[in-house]
């Protein structure tokens, strides 16, 4: 992911930065497309292959109304080390966003540790 795209993604997450961790969890579980699929038993058959599984989640995450909340939640909880697809970025994409997002949170907190 190019740095400019990572900057745009991180800036977009500023819109949900004020939500608490609990609020993020509630929104993602209540309104997230993946949560709805899990409760209805309609989740895809995961293959265990990252590339193939990424193709399975594209239509699920692509239409999800809470992508920002999902990604914000993942970055807060798992940081650079998260796995899978969240918000709907793959691991390598989130790893490109994480340092930019982290710096924005540090800057917003006055440079004293930020959200992490």
PDB file of N, CA and C in Angstrom:
ATOM      1  N   UNK A   1       0.849  -1.172   0.000  1.00  0.00           N
ATOM      2  CA  UNK A   1       0.000   0.000   0.000  1.00  0.00           C
ATOM      3  C   UNK A   1       0.893   1.233   0.000  1.00  0.00           C
ATOM      4  N   UNK A   2       0.629   2.128  -0.885  1.00  0.00           N
ATOM      5  CA  UNK A   2       1.418   3.354  -0.934  1.00  0.00           C
ATOM      6  C   UNK A   2       1.159   4.211   0.300  1.00  0.00           C
ATOM      7  N   UNK A   3       2.169   4.960   0.675  1.00  0.00           N
ATOM      8  CA  UNK A   3       2.076   5.796   1.881  1.00  0.00           C
ATOM      9  C   UNK A   3       0.928   6.798   1.805  1.00  0.00           C
ATOM     10  N   UNK A   4       0.661   7.360   0.634  1.00  0.00           N
ATOM     11  CA  UNK A   4      -0.423   8.331   0.506  1.00  0.00           C
ATOM     12  C   UNK A   4      -1.778   7.685   0.781  1.00  0.00           C
ATOM     13  N   UNK A   5      -1.949   6.456   0.337  1.00  0.00           N
ATOM     14  CA  UNK A   5      -3.203   5.744   0.607  1.00  0.00           C
ATOM     15  C   UNK A   5      -3.298   5.449   2.101  1.00  0.00           C
ATOM     16  N   UNK A   6      -2.206   5.025   2.704  1.00  0.00           N
ATOM     17  CA  UNK A   6      -2.192   4.762   4.148  1.00  0.00           C
ATOM     18  C   UNK A   6      -2.550   6.024   4.926  1.00  0.00           C
ATOM     19  N   UNK A   7      -2.064   7.167   4.472  1.00  0.00           N
ATOM     20  CA  UNK A   7      -2.388   8.438   5.132  1.00  0.00           C
ATOM     21  C   UNK A   7      -3.885   8.744   5.025  1.00  0.00           C
ATOM     22  N   UNK A   8      -4.464   8.501   3.861  1.00  0.00           N
ATOM     23  CA  UNK A   8      -5.901   8.757   3.681  1.00  0.00           C
ATOM     24  C   UNK A   8      -6.740   7.839   4.555  1.00  0.00           C
ATOM     25  N   UNK A   9      -6.355   6.565   4.615  1.00  0.00           N
ATOM     26  CA  UNK A   9      -7.091   5.610   5.443  1.00  0.00           C
ATOM     27  C   UNK A   9      -7.001   6.025   6.913  1.00  0.00           C
ATOM     28  N   UNK A  10      -5.802   6.350   7.374  1.00  0.00           N
ATOM     29  CA  UNK A  10      -5.614   6.751   8.773  1.00  0.00           C
ATOM     30  C   UNK A  10      -6.398   8.024   9.085  1.00  0.00           C
ATOM     31  N   UNK A  11      -6.395   8.978   8.176  1.00  0.00           N
ATOM     32  CA  UNK A  11      -7.147  10.225   8.387  1.00  0.00           C
ATOM     33  C   UNK A  11      -8.645   9.954   8.447  1.00  0.00           C
ATOM     34  N   UNK A  12      -9.121   9.031   7.630  1.00  0.00           N
ATOM     35  CA  UNK A  12     -10.539   8.681   7.635  1.00  0.00           C
ATOM     36  C   UNK A  12     -10.953   8.091   8.984  1.00  0.00           C
ATOM     37  N   UNK A  13     -10.039   7.396   9.642  1.00  0.00           N
ATOM     38  CA  UNK A  13     -10.343   6.797  10.937  1.00  0.00           C
ATOM     39  C   UNK A  13     -10.476   7.835  12.046  1.00  0.00           C
ATOM     40  N   UNK A  14     -10.013   9.046  11.808  1.00  0.00           N
ATOM     41  CA  UNK A  14     -10.179  10.103  12.811  1.00  0.00           C
ATOM     42  C   UNK A  14     -11.653  10.301  13.148  1.00  0.00           C
ATOM     43  N   UNK A  15     -12.528   9.997  12.220  1.00  0.00           N
ATOM     44  CA  UNK A  15     -13.964  10.147  12.439  1.00  0.00           C
ATOM     45  C   UNK A  15     -14.533   9.217  13.496  1.00  0.00           C
ATOM     46  N   UNK A  16     -13.817   8.153  13.832  1.00  0.00           N
ATOM     47  CA  UNK A  16     -14.284   7.223  14.863  1.00  0.00           C
ATOM     48  C   UNK A  16     -13.330   7.154  16.053  1.00  0.00           C
ATOM     49  N   UNK A  17     -12.343   8.037  16.080  1.00  0.00           N
ATOM     50  CA  UNK A  17     -11.330   8.016  17.136  1.00  0.00           C
ATOM     51  C   UNK A  17     -11.917   8.265  18.521  1.00  0.00           C
ATOM     52  N   UNK A  18     -12.988   9.030  18.608  1.00  0.00           N
ATOM     53  CA  UNK A  18     -13.570   9.370  19.907  1.00  0.00           C
ATOM     54  C   UNK A  18     -14.394   8.232  20.510  1.00  0.00           C
ATOM     55  N   UNK A  19     -14.719   7.223  19.722  1.00  0.00           N
ATOM     56  CA  UNK A  19     -15.497   6.102  20.248  1.00  0.00           C
ATOM     57  C   UNK A  19     -14.634   5.267  21.189  1.00  0.00           C
ATOM     58  N   UNK A  20     -15.229   4.819  22.262  1.00  0.00           N
ATOM     59  CA  UNK A  20     -14.511   3.937  23.184  1.00  0.00           C
ATOM     60  C   UNK A  20     -14.378   2.557  22.566  1.00  0.00           C
ATOM     61  N   UNK A  21     -13.516   1.743  23.137  1.00  0.00           N
ATOM     62  CA  UNK A  21     -13.368   0.372  22.663  1.00  0.00           C
ATOM     63  C   UNK A  21     -14.681  -0.389  22.740  1.00  0.00           C
ATOM     64  N   UNK A  22     -15.412  -0.182  23.816  1.00  0.00           N
ATOM     65  CA  UNK A  22     -16.708  -0.847  23.969  1.00  0.00           C
ATOM     66  C   UNK A  22     -17.711  -0.416  22.923  1.00  0.00           C
ATOM     67  N   UNK A  23     -17.708   0.865  22.600  1.00  0.00           N
ATOM     68  CA  UNK A  23     -18.612   1.356  21.560  1.00  0.00           C
ATOM     69  C   UNK A  23     -18.259   0.760  20.208  1.00  0.00           C
ATOM     70  N   UNK A  24     -16.962   0.668  19.924  1.00  0.00           N
ATOM     71  CA  UNK A  24     -16.538   0.069  18.653  1.00  0.00           C
ATOM     72  C   UNK A  24     -16.985  -1.380  18.567  1.00  0.00           C
ATOM     73  N   UNK A  25     -16.766  -2.134  19.625  1.00  0.00           N
ATOM     74  CA  UNK A  25     -17.172  -3.543  19.653  1.00  0.00           C
ATOM     75  C   UNK A  25     -18.677  -3.655  19.422  1.00  0.00           C
ATOM     76  N   UNK A  26     -19.443  -2.844  20.138  1.00  0.00           N
ATOM     77  CA  UNK A  26     -20.897  -2.907  20.002  1.00  0.00           C
ATOM     78  C   UNK A  26     -21.347  -2.619  18.576  1.00  0.00           C
ATOM     79  N   UNK A  27     -20.784  -1.569  17.964  1.00  0.00           N
ATOM     80  CA  UNK A  27     -21.174  -1.194  16.604  1.00  0.00           C
ATOM     81  C   UNK A  27     -20.807  -2.300  15.618  1.00  0.00           C
ATOM     82  N   UNK A  28     -19.586  -2.826  15.725  1.00  0.00           N
ATOM     83  CA  UNK A  28     -19.151  -3.857  14.780  1.00  0.00           C
ATOM     84  C   UNK A  28     -19.980  -5.122  14.950  1.00  0.00           C
ATOM     85  N   UNK A  29     -20.213  -5.525  16.177  1.00  0.00           N
ATOM     86  CA  UNK A  29     -21.003  -6.747  16.391  1.00  0.00           C
ATOM     87  C   UNK A  29     -22.459  -6.575  15.984  1.00  0.00           C
ATOM     88  N   UNK A  30     -23.014  -5.393  16.223  1.00  0.00           N
ATOM     89  CA  UNK A  30     -24.419  -5.150  15.906  1.00  0.00           C
ATOM     90  C   UNK A  30     -24.637  -4.916  14.414  1.00  0.00           C
ATOM     91  N   UNK A  31     -23.771  -4.098  13.797  1.00  0.00           N
ATOM     92  CA  UNK A  31     -24.015  -3.643  12.428  1.00  0.00           C
ATOM     93  C   UNK A  31     -23.087  -4.240  11.382  1.00  0.00           C
ATOM     94  N   UNK A  32     -22.034  -4.933  11.805  1.00  0.00           N
ATOM     95  CA  UNK A  32     -21.080  -5.493  10.859  1.00  0.00           C
ATOM     96  C   UNK A  32     -21.669  -6.634  10.050  1.00  0.00           C
ATOM     97  N   UNK A  33     -21.396  -6.636   8.781  1.00  0.00           N
ATOM     98  CA  UNK A  33     -21.899  -7.696   7.903  1.00  0.00           C
ATOM     99  C   UNK A  33     -21.397  -9.057   8.356  1.00  0.00           C
ATOM    100  N   UNK A  34     -20.151  -9.147   8.783  1.00  0.00           N
ATOM    101  CA  UNK A  34     -19.600 -10.439   9.211  1.00  0.00           C
ATOM    102  C   UNK A  34     -20.325 -10.960  10.448  1.00  0.00           C
ATOM    103  N   UNK A  35     -20.714 -10.065  11.351  1.00  0.00           N
ATOM    104  CA  UNK A  35     -21.460 -10.484  12.534  1.00  0.00           C
ATOM    105  C   UNK A  35     -22.823 -11.034  12.183  1.00  0.00           C
ATOM    106  N   UNK A  36     -23.462 -10.393  11.220  1.00  0.00           N
ATOM    107  CA  UNK A  36     -24.762 -10.852  10.776  1.00  0.00           C
ATOM    108  C   UNK A  36     -24.639 -12.251  10.155  1.00  0.00           C
ATOM    109  N   UNK A  37     -23.614 -12.435   9.331  1.00  0.00           N
ATOM    110  CA  UNK A  37     -23.422 -13.748   8.706  1.00  0.00           C
ATOM    111  C   UNK A  37     -23.153 -14.820   9.749  1.00  0.00           C
ATOM    112  N   UNK A  38     -22.371 -14.482  10.763  1.00  0.00           N
ATOM    113  CA  UNK A  38     -22.048 -15.465  11.808  1.00  0.00           C
ATOM    114  C   UNK A  38     -23.301 -15.875  12.579  1.00  0.00           C
ATOM    115  N   UNK A  39     -24.195 -14.929  12.860  1.00  0.00           N
ATOM    116  CA  UNK A  39     -25.399 -15.259  13.625  1.00  0.00           C
ATOM    117  C   UNK A  39     -26.429 -16.008  12.798  1.00  0.00           C
ATOM    118  N   UNK A  40     -26.341 -15.924  11.483  1.00  0.00           N
ATOM    119  CA  UNK A  40     -27.295 -16.633  10.631  1.00  0.00           C
ATOM    120  C   UNK A  40     -26.730 -17.937  10.091  1.00  0.00           C
ATOM    121  N   UNK A  41     -25.474 -18.233  10.430  1.00  0.00           N
ATOM    122  CA  UNK A  41     -24.852 -19.457   9.944  1.00  0.00           C
ATOM    123  C   UNK A  41     -24.455 -19.405   8.488  1.00  0.00           C
ATOM    124  N   UNK A  42     -24.314 -18.213   7.922  1.00  0.00           N
ATOM    125  CA  UNK A  42     -24.008 -18.075   6.506  1.00  0.00           C
ATOM    126  C   UNK A  42     -22.558 -17.686   6.243  1.00  0.00           C
ATOM    127  N   UNK A  43     -21.676 -17.944   7.202  1.00  0.00           N
ATOM    128  CA  UNK A  43     -20.273 -17.605   6.977  1.00  0.00           C
ATOM    129  C   UNK A  43     -19.698 -18.525   5.907  1.00  0.00           C
ATOM    130  N   UNK A  44     -18.728 -18.034   5.151  1.00  0.00           N
ATOM    131  CA  UNK A  44     -18.144 -18.860   4.091  1.00  0.00           C
ATOM    132  C   UNK A  44     -17.332 -20.019   4.666  1.00  0.00           C
ATOM    133  N   UNK A  45     -17.045 -20.960   3.826  1.00  0.00           N
ATOM    134  CA  UNK A  45     -16.154 -22.065   4.185  1.00  0.00           C
ATOM    135  C   UNK A  45     -14.727 -21.564   4.033  1.00  0.00           C
ATOM    136  N   UNK A  46     -14.046 -21.260   5.138  1.00  0.00           N
ATOM    137  CA  UNK A  46     -12.686 -20.733   5.089  1.00  0.00           C
ATOM    138  C   UNK A  46     -11.730 -21.826   4.650  1.00  0.00           C
ATOM    139  N   UNK A  47     -10.783 -21.463   3.807  1.00  0.00           N
ATOM    140  CA  UNK A  47      -9.845 -22.434   3.249  1.00  0.00           C
ATOM    141  C   UNK A  47      -8.547 -22.516   4.050  1.00  0.00           C
ATOM    142  N   UNK A  48      -8.220 -21.451   4.785  1.00  0.00           N
ATOM    143  CA  UNK A  48      -6.934 -21.388   5.474  1.00  0.00           C
ATOM    144  C   UNK A  48      -5.843 -20.778   4.613  1.00  0.00           C
ATOM    145  N   UNK A  49      -6.134 -20.582   3.344  1.00  0.00           N
ATOM    146  CA  UNK A  49      -5.201 -19.933   2.424  1.00  0.00           C
ATOM    147  C   UNK A  49      -5.543 -18.441   2.408  1.00  0.00           C
ATOM    148  N   UNK A  50      -4.584 -17.606   2.802  1.00  0.00           N
ATOM    149  CA  UNK A  50      -4.852 -16.171   2.927  1.00  0.00           C
ATOM    150  C   UNK A  50      -5.416 -15.559   1.657  1.00  0.00           C
ATOM    151  N   UNK A  51      -4.842 -15.898   0.539  1.00  0.00           N
ATOM    152  CA  UNK A  51      -5.283 -15.303  -0.731  1.00  0.00           C
ATOM    153  C   UNK A  51      -6.712 -15.729  -1.070  1.00  0.00           C
ATOM    154  N   UNK A  52      -7.007 -17.002  -0.929  1.00  0.00           N
ATOM    155  CA  UNK A  52      -8.355 -17.502  -1.236  1.00  0.00           C
ATOM    156  C   UNK A  52      -9.371 -16.944  -0.246  1.00  0.00           C
ATOM    157  N   UNK A  53      -9.015 -16.912   1.033  1.00  0.00           N
ATOM    158  CA  UNK A  53      -9.940 -16.384   2.038  1.00  0.00           C
ATOM    159  C   UNK A  53     -10.182 -14.894   1.843  1.00  0.00           C
ATOM    160  N   UNK A  54      -9.171 -14.177   1.388  1.00  0.00           N
ATOM    161  CA  UNK A  54      -9.351 -12.746   1.118  1.00  0.00           C
ATOM    162  C   UNK A  54     -10.402 -12.552   0.042  1.00  0.00           C
ATOM    163  N   UNK A  55     -10.408 -13.408  -0.955  1.00  0.00           N
ATOM    164  CA  UNK A  55     -11.421 -13.312  -2.014  1.00  0.00           C
ATOM    165  C   UNK A  55     -12.822 -13.587  -1.456  1.00  0.00           C
ATOM    166  N   UNK A  56     -12.909 -14.472  -0.461  1.00  0.00           N
ATOM    167  CA  UNK A  56     -14.205 -14.770   0.143  1.00  0.00           C
ATOM    168  C   UNK A  56     -14.764 -13.584   0.928  1.00  0.00           C
ATOM    169  N   UNK A  57     -13.882 -12.793   1.542  1.00  0.00           N
ATOM    170  CA  UNK A  57     -14.369 -11.688   2.373  1.00  0.00           C
ATOM    171  C   UNK A  57     -14.608 -10.396   1.598  1.00  0.00           C
ATOM    172  N   UNK A  58     -14.098 -10.293   0.393  1.00  0.00           N
ATOM    173  CA  UNK A  58     -14.263  -9.061  -0.378  1.00  0.00           C
ATOM    174  C   UNK A  58     -15.741  -8.658  -0.485  1.00  0.00           C
ATOM    175  N   UNK A  59     -16.640  -9.545  -0.886  1.00  0.00           N
ATOM    176  CA  UNK A  59     -18.038  -9.111  -0.973  1.00  0.00           C
ATOM    177  C   UNK A  59     -18.671  -8.864   0.395  1.00  0.00           C
ATOM    178  N   UNK A  60     -18.197  -9.543   1.419  1.00  0.00           N
ATOM    179  CA  UNK A  60     -18.741  -9.352   2.771  1.00  0.00           C
ATOM    180  C   UNK A  60     -18.314  -7.992   3.312  1.00  0.00           C
ATOM    181  N   UNK A  61     -17.021  -7.750   3.333  1.00  0.00           N
ATOM    182  CA  UNK A  61     -16.490  -6.499   3.886  1.00  0.00           C
ATOM    183  C   UNK A  61     -16.776  -5.302   2.981  1.00  0.00           C
ATOM    184  N   UNK A  62     -16.788  -5.526   1.689  1.00  0.00           N
ATOM    185  CA  UNK A  62     -16.977  -4.421   0.757  1.00  0.00           C
ATOM    186  C   UNK A  62     -18.301  -3.717   0.929  1.00  0.00           C
ATOM    187  N   UNK A  63     -19.309  -4.417   1.369  1.00  0.00           N
ATOM    188  CA  UNK A  63     -20.635  -3.828   1.553  1.00  0.00           C
ATOM    189  C   UNK A  63     -20.931  -3.484   3.014  1.00  0.00           C
ATOM    190  N   UNK A  64     -19.966  -3.680   3.879  1.00  0.00           N
ATOM    191  CA  UNK A  64     -20.195  -3.486   5.313  1.00  0.00           C
ATOM    192  C   UNK A  64     -20.306  -1.995   5.659  1.00  0.00           C
ATOM    193  N   UNK A  65     -21.310  -1.625   6.456  1.00  0.00           N
ATOM    194  CA  UNK A  65     -21.490  -0.222   6.811  1.00  0.00           C
ATOM    195  C   UNK A  65     -20.573   0.271   7.937  1.00  0.00           C
ATOM    196  N   UNK A  66     -19.818  -0.631   8.561  1.00  0.00           N
ATOM    197  CA  UNK A  66     -18.989  -0.220   9.708  1.00  0.00           C
ATOM    198  C   UNK A  66     -17.511  -0.551   9.485  1.00  0.00           C
ATOM    199  N   UNK A  67     -17.037  -0.355   8.277  1.00  0.00           N
ATOM    200  CA  UNK A  67     -15.637  -0.650   7.960  1.00  0.00           C
ATOM    201  C   UNK A  67     -14.678   0.169   8.814  1.00  0.00           C
ATOM    202  N   UNK A  68     -14.969   1.452   8.982  1.00  0.00           N
ATOM    203  CA  UNK A  68     -14.056   2.302   9.765  1.00  0.00           C
ATOM    204  C   UNK A  68     -13.997   1.840  11.213  1.00  0.00           C
ATOM    205  N   UNK A  69     -15.146   1.556  11.803  1.00  0.00           N
ATOM    206  CA  UNK A  69     -15.189   1.112  13.190  1.00  0.00           C
ATOM    207  C   UNK A  69     -14.443  -0.209  13.363  1.00  0.00           C
ATOM    208  N   UNK A  70     -14.593  -1.098  12.403  1.00  0.00           N
ATOM    209  CA  UNK A  70     -13.922  -2.395  12.425  1.00  0.00           C
ATOM    210  C   UNK A  70     -12.407  -2.227  12.388  1.00  0.00           C
ATOM    211  N   UNK A  71     -11.946  -1.405  11.469  1.00  0.00           N
ATOM    212  CA  UNK A  71     -10.502  -1.192  11.336  1.00  0.00           C
ATOM    213  C   UNK A  71      -9.944  -0.476  12.562  1.00  0.00           C
ATOM    214  N   UNK A  72     -10.638   0.519  13.063  1.00  0.00           N
ATOM    215  CA  UNK A  72     -10.189   1.230  14.269  1.00  0.00           C
ATOM    216  C   UNK A  72     -10.075   0.259  15.438  1.00  0.00           C
ATOM    217  N   UNK A  73     -11.075  -0.588  15.604  1.00  0.00           N
ATOM    218  CA  UNK A  73     -11.079  -1.580  16.687  1.00  0.00           C
ATOM    219  C   UNK A  73      -9.878  -2.504  16.557  1.00  0.00           C
ATOM    220  N   UNK A  74      -9.642  -3.002  15.356  1.00  0.00           N
ATOM    221  CA  UNK A  74      -8.517  -3.912  15.149  1.00  0.00           C
ATOM    222  C   UNK A  74      -7.182  -3.230  15.431  1.00  0.00           C
ATOM    223  N   UNK A  75      -6.987  -2.026  14.950  1.00  0.00           N
ATOM    224  CA  UNK A  75      -5.714  -1.334  15.173  1.00  0.00           C
ATOM    225  C   UNK A  75      -5.483  -1.082  16.660  1.00  0.00           C
ATOM    226  N   UNK A  76      -6.533  -0.762  17.380  1.00  0.00           N
ATOM    227  CA  UNK A  76      -6.384  -0.549  18.824  1.00  0.00           C
ATOM    228  C   UNK A  76      -6.038  -1.827  19.568  1.00  0.00           C
ATOM    229  N   UNK A  77      -6.693  -2.910  19.213  1.00  0.00           N
ATOM    230  CA  UNK A  77      -6.539  -4.163  19.953  1.00  0.00           C
ATOM    231  C   UNK A  77      -5.299  -4.938  19.530  1.00  0.00           C
ATOM    232  N   UNK A  78      -5.083  -5.055  18.222  1.00  0.00           N
ATOM    233  CA  UNK A  78      -4.013  -5.911  17.723  1.00  0.00           C
ATOM    234  C   UNK A  78      -2.802  -5.159  17.187  1.00  0.00           C
ATOM    235  N   UNK A  79      -2.981  -3.894  16.861  1.00  0.00           N
ATOM    236  CA  UNK A  79      -1.874  -3.099  16.356  1.00  0.00           C
ATOM    237  C   UNK A  79      -1.272  -3.672  15.091  1.00  0.00           C
ATOM    238  N   UNK A  80       0.021  -3.668  15.051  1.00  0.00           N
ATOM    239  CA  UNK A  80       0.761  -4.112  13.870  1.00  0.00           C
ATOM    240  C   UNK A  80       0.646  -5.614  13.633  1.00  0.00           C
ATOM    241  N   UNK A  81       0.322  -6.365  14.672  1.00  0.00           N
ATOM    242  CA  UNK A  81       0.393  -7.824  14.611  1.00  0.00           C
ATOM    243  C   UNK A  81      -0.923  -8.520  14.291  1.00  0.00           C
ATOM    244  N   UNK A  82      -1.931  -7.806  13.844  1.00  0.00           N
ATOM    245  CA  UNK A  82      -3.212  -8.454  13.607  1.00  0.00           C
ATOM    246  C   UNK A  82      -3.163  -9.374  12.405  1.00  0.00           C
ATOM    247  N   UNK A  83      -4.085 -10.329  12.387  1.00  0.00           N
ATOM    248  CA  UNK A  83      -4.175 -11.276  11.286  1.00  0.00           C
ATOM    249  C   UNK A  83      -5.540 -11.212  10.636  1.00  0.00           C
ATOM    250  N   UNK A  84      -5.667 -11.807   9.478  1.00  0.00           N
ATOM    251  CA  UNK A  84      -6.951 -11.834   8.793  1.00  0.00           C
ATOM    252  C   UNK A  84      -7.248 -10.549   8.061  1.00  0.00           C
ATOM    253  N   UNK A  85      -8.529 -10.322   7.836  1.00  0.00           N
ATOM    254  CA  UNK A  85      -8.992  -9.135   7.124  1.00  0.00           C
ATOM    255  C   UNK A  85      -9.896  -8.358   8.069  1.00  0.00           C
ATOM    256  N   UNK A  86      -9.594  -7.094   8.251  1.00  0.00           N
ATOM    257  CA  UNK A  86     -10.395  -6.202   9.095  1.00  0.00           C
ATOM    258  C   UNK A  86     -10.575  -4.896   8.352  1.00  0.00           C
ATOM    259  N   UNK A  87     -11.740  -4.456   8.257  1.00  0.00           N
ATOM    260  CA  UNK A  87     -12.098  -3.121   7.879  1.00  0.00           C
ATOM    261  C   UNK A  87     -11.937  -2.597   6.481  1.00  0.00           C
ATOM    262  N   UNK A  88     -11.881  -3.275   5.435  1.00  0.00           N
ATOM    263  CA  UNK A  88     -11.634  -4.647   4.983  1.00  0.00           C
ATOM    264  C   UNK A  88     -10.206  -4.831   4.456  1.00  0.00           C
ATOM    265  N   UNK A  89      -9.230  -4.353   5.201  1.00  0.00           N
ATOM    266  CA  UNK A  89      -7.845  -4.424   4.745  1.00  0.00           C
ATOM    267  C   UNK A  89      -7.175  -5.734   5.144  1.00  0.00           C
ATOM    268  N   UNK A  90      -6.350  -6.251   4.269  1.00  0.00           N
ATOM    269  CA  UNK A  90      -5.535  -7.433   4.569  1.00  0.00           C
ATOM    270  C   UNK A  90      -4.385  -7.021   5.490  1.00  0.00           C
ATOM    271  N   UNK A  91      -3.696  -8.006   6.032  1.00  0.00           N
ATOM    272  CA  UNK A  91      -2.614  -7.756   6.992  1.00  0.00           C
ATOM    273  C   UNK A  91      -1.573  -6.767   6.489  1.00  0.00           C
ATOM    274  N   UNK A  92      -1.082  -6.960   5.287  1.00  0.00           N
ATOM    275  CA  UNK A  92      -0.027  -6.080   4.782  1.00  0.00           C
ATOM    276  C   UNK A  92      -0.524  -4.641   4.628  1.00  0.00           C
ATOM    277  N   UNK A  93      -1.782  -4.486   4.271  1.00  0.00           N
ATOM    278  CA  UNK A  93      -2.346  -3.148   4.143  1.00  0.00           C
ATOM    279  C   UNK A  93      -2.497  -2.484   5.509  1.00  0.00           C
ATOM    280  N   UNK A  94      -2.963  -3.247   6.501  1.00  0.00           N
ATOM    281  CA  UNK A  94      -3.083  -2.694   7.848  1.00  0.00           C
ATOM    282  C   UNK A  94      -1.720  -2.348   8.424  1.00  0.00           C
ATOM    283  N   UNK A  95      -0.724  -3.151   8.130  1.00  0.00           N
ATOM    284  CA  UNK A  95       0.631  -2.856   8.615  1.00  0.00           C
ATOM    285  C   UNK A  95       1.166  -1.556   8.023  1.00  0.00           C
ATOM    286  N   UNK A  96       0.740  -1.222   6.815  1.00  0.00           N
ATOM    287  CA  UNK A  96       1.137   0.053   6.213  1.00  0.00           C
ATOM    288  C   UNK A  96       0.384   1.213   6.857  1.00  0.00           C
ATOM    289  N   UNK A  97      -0.857   0.987   7.254  1.00  0.00           N
ATOM    290  CA  UNK A  97      -1.668   2.030   7.879  1.00  0.00           C
ATOM    291  C   UNK A  97      -1.269   2.238   9.333  1.00  0.00           C
ATOM    292  N   UNK A  98      -0.889   1.173  10.030  1.00  0.00           N
ATOM    293  CA  UNK A  98      -0.674   1.252  11.475  1.00  0.00           C
ATOM    294  C   UNK A  98       0.270   2.363  11.923  1.00  0.00           C
ATOM    295  N   UNK A  99       1.476   2.510  11.363  1.00  0.00           N
ATOM    296  CA  UNK A  99       2.353   3.569  11.867  1.00  0.00           C
ATOM    297  C   UNK A  99       1.796   4.976  11.634  1.00  0.00           C
ATOM    298  N   UNK A 100       1.091   5.166  10.537  1.00  0.00           N
ATOM    299  CA  UNK A 100       0.490   6.470  10.246  1.00  0.00           C
ATOM    300  C   UNK A 100      -0.649   6.732  11.233  1.00  0.00           C
ATOM    301  N   UNK A 101      -1.487   5.736  11.434  1.00  0.00           N
ATOM    302  CA  UNK A 101      -2.605   5.827  12.386  1.00  0.00           C
ATOM    303  C   UNK A 101      -2.081   6.083  13.791  1.00  0.00           C
ATOM    304  N   UNK A 102      -1.064   5.337  14.192  1.00  0.00           N
ATOM    305  CA  UNK A 102      -0.491   5.477  15.529  1.00  0.00           C
ATOM    306  C   UNK A 102       0.072   6.882  15.751  1.00  0.00           C
ATOM    307  N   UNK A 103       0.758   7.405  14.752  1.00  0.00           N
ATOM    308  CA  UNK A 103       1.306   8.755  14.859  1.00  0.00           C
ATOM    309  C   UNK A 103       0.197   9.798  14.974  1.00  0.00           C
ATOM    310  N   UNK A 104      -0.887   9.617  14.221  1.00  0.00           N
ATOM    311  CA  UNK A 104      -2.016  10.546  14.299  1.00  0.00           C
ATOM    312  C   UNK A 104      -2.624  10.524  15.690  1.00  0.00           C
ATOM    313  N   UNK A 105      -2.743   9.330  16.282  1.00  0.00           N
ATOM    314  CA  UNK A 105      -3.305   9.225  17.633  1.00  0.00           C
ATOM    315  C   UNK A 105      -2.371   9.856  18.650  1.00  0.00           C
ATOM    316  N   UNK A 106      -1.063   9.630  18.494  1.00  0.00           N
ATOM    317  CA  UNK A 106      -0.072  10.261  19.388  1.00  0.00           C
ATOM    318  C   UNK A 106      -0.145  11.779  19.280  1.00  0.00           C
ATOM    319  N   UNK A 107      -0.220  12.292  18.063  1.00  0.00           N
ATOM    320  CA  UNK A 107      -0.276  13.734  17.845  1.00  0.00           C
ATOM    321  C   UNK A 107      -1.556  14.320  18.472  1.00  0.00           C
ATOM    322  N   UNK A 108      -2.680  13.619  18.312  1.00  0.00           N
ATOM    323  CA  UNK A 108      -3.956  14.089  18.858  1.00  0.00           C
ATOM    324  C   UNK A 108      -3.945  14.096  20.388  1.00  0.00           C
ATOM    325  N   UNK A 109      -3.158  13.186  20.977  1.00  0.00           N
ATOM    326  CA  UNK A 109      -3.069  13.102  22.435  1.00  0.00           C
ATOM    327  C   UNK A 109      -1.974  14.010  22.979  1.00  0.00           C
ATOM    328  N   UNK A 110      -1.397  14.810  22.130  1.00  0.00           N
ATOM    329  CA  UNK A 110      -0.346  15.719  22.577  1.00  0.00           C
ATOM    330  C   UNK A 110       1.021  15.071  22.655  1.00  0.00           C
ATOM    331  N   UNK A 111       1.176  13.949  21.942  1.00  0.00           N
ATOM    332  CA  UNK A 111       2.485  13.288  21.880  1.00  0.00           C
ATOM    333  C   UNK A 111       2.855  12.529  23.126  1.00  0.00           C
ATOM    334  N   UNK A 112       1.863  12.151  23.939  1.00  0.00           N
ATOM    335  CA  UNK A 112       2.171  11.445  25.187  1.00  0.00           C
ATOM    336  C   UNK A 112       1.589  10.037  25.192  1.00  0.00           C
ATOM    337  N   UNK A 113       1.885   9.267  24.185  1.00  0.00           N
ATOM    338  CA  UNK A 113       1.485   7.868  24.188  1.00  0.00           C
ATOM    339  C   UNK A 113       0.322   7.536  23.288  1.00  0.00           C
ATOM    340  N   UNK A 114      -0.512   8.479  22.986  1.00  0.00           N
ATOM    341  CA  UNK A 114      -1.616   8.247  22.059  1.00  0.00           C
ATOM    342  C   UNK A 114      -2.577   7.170  22.522  1.00  0.00           C
ATOM    343  N   UNK A 115      -3.166   6.490  21.566  1.00  0.00           N
ATOM    344  CA  UNK A 115      -4.213   5.513  21.850  1.00  0.00           C
ATOM    345  C   UNK A 115      -3.658   4.172  22.281  1.00  0.00           C
ATOM    346  N   UNK A 116      -2.388   3.964  22.168  1.00  0.00           N
ATOM    347  CA  UNK A 116      -1.868   2.628  22.450  1.00  0.00           C
ATOM    348  C   UNK A 116      -1.379   2.514  23.831  1.00  0.00           C
TER     349      UNK A 116
END
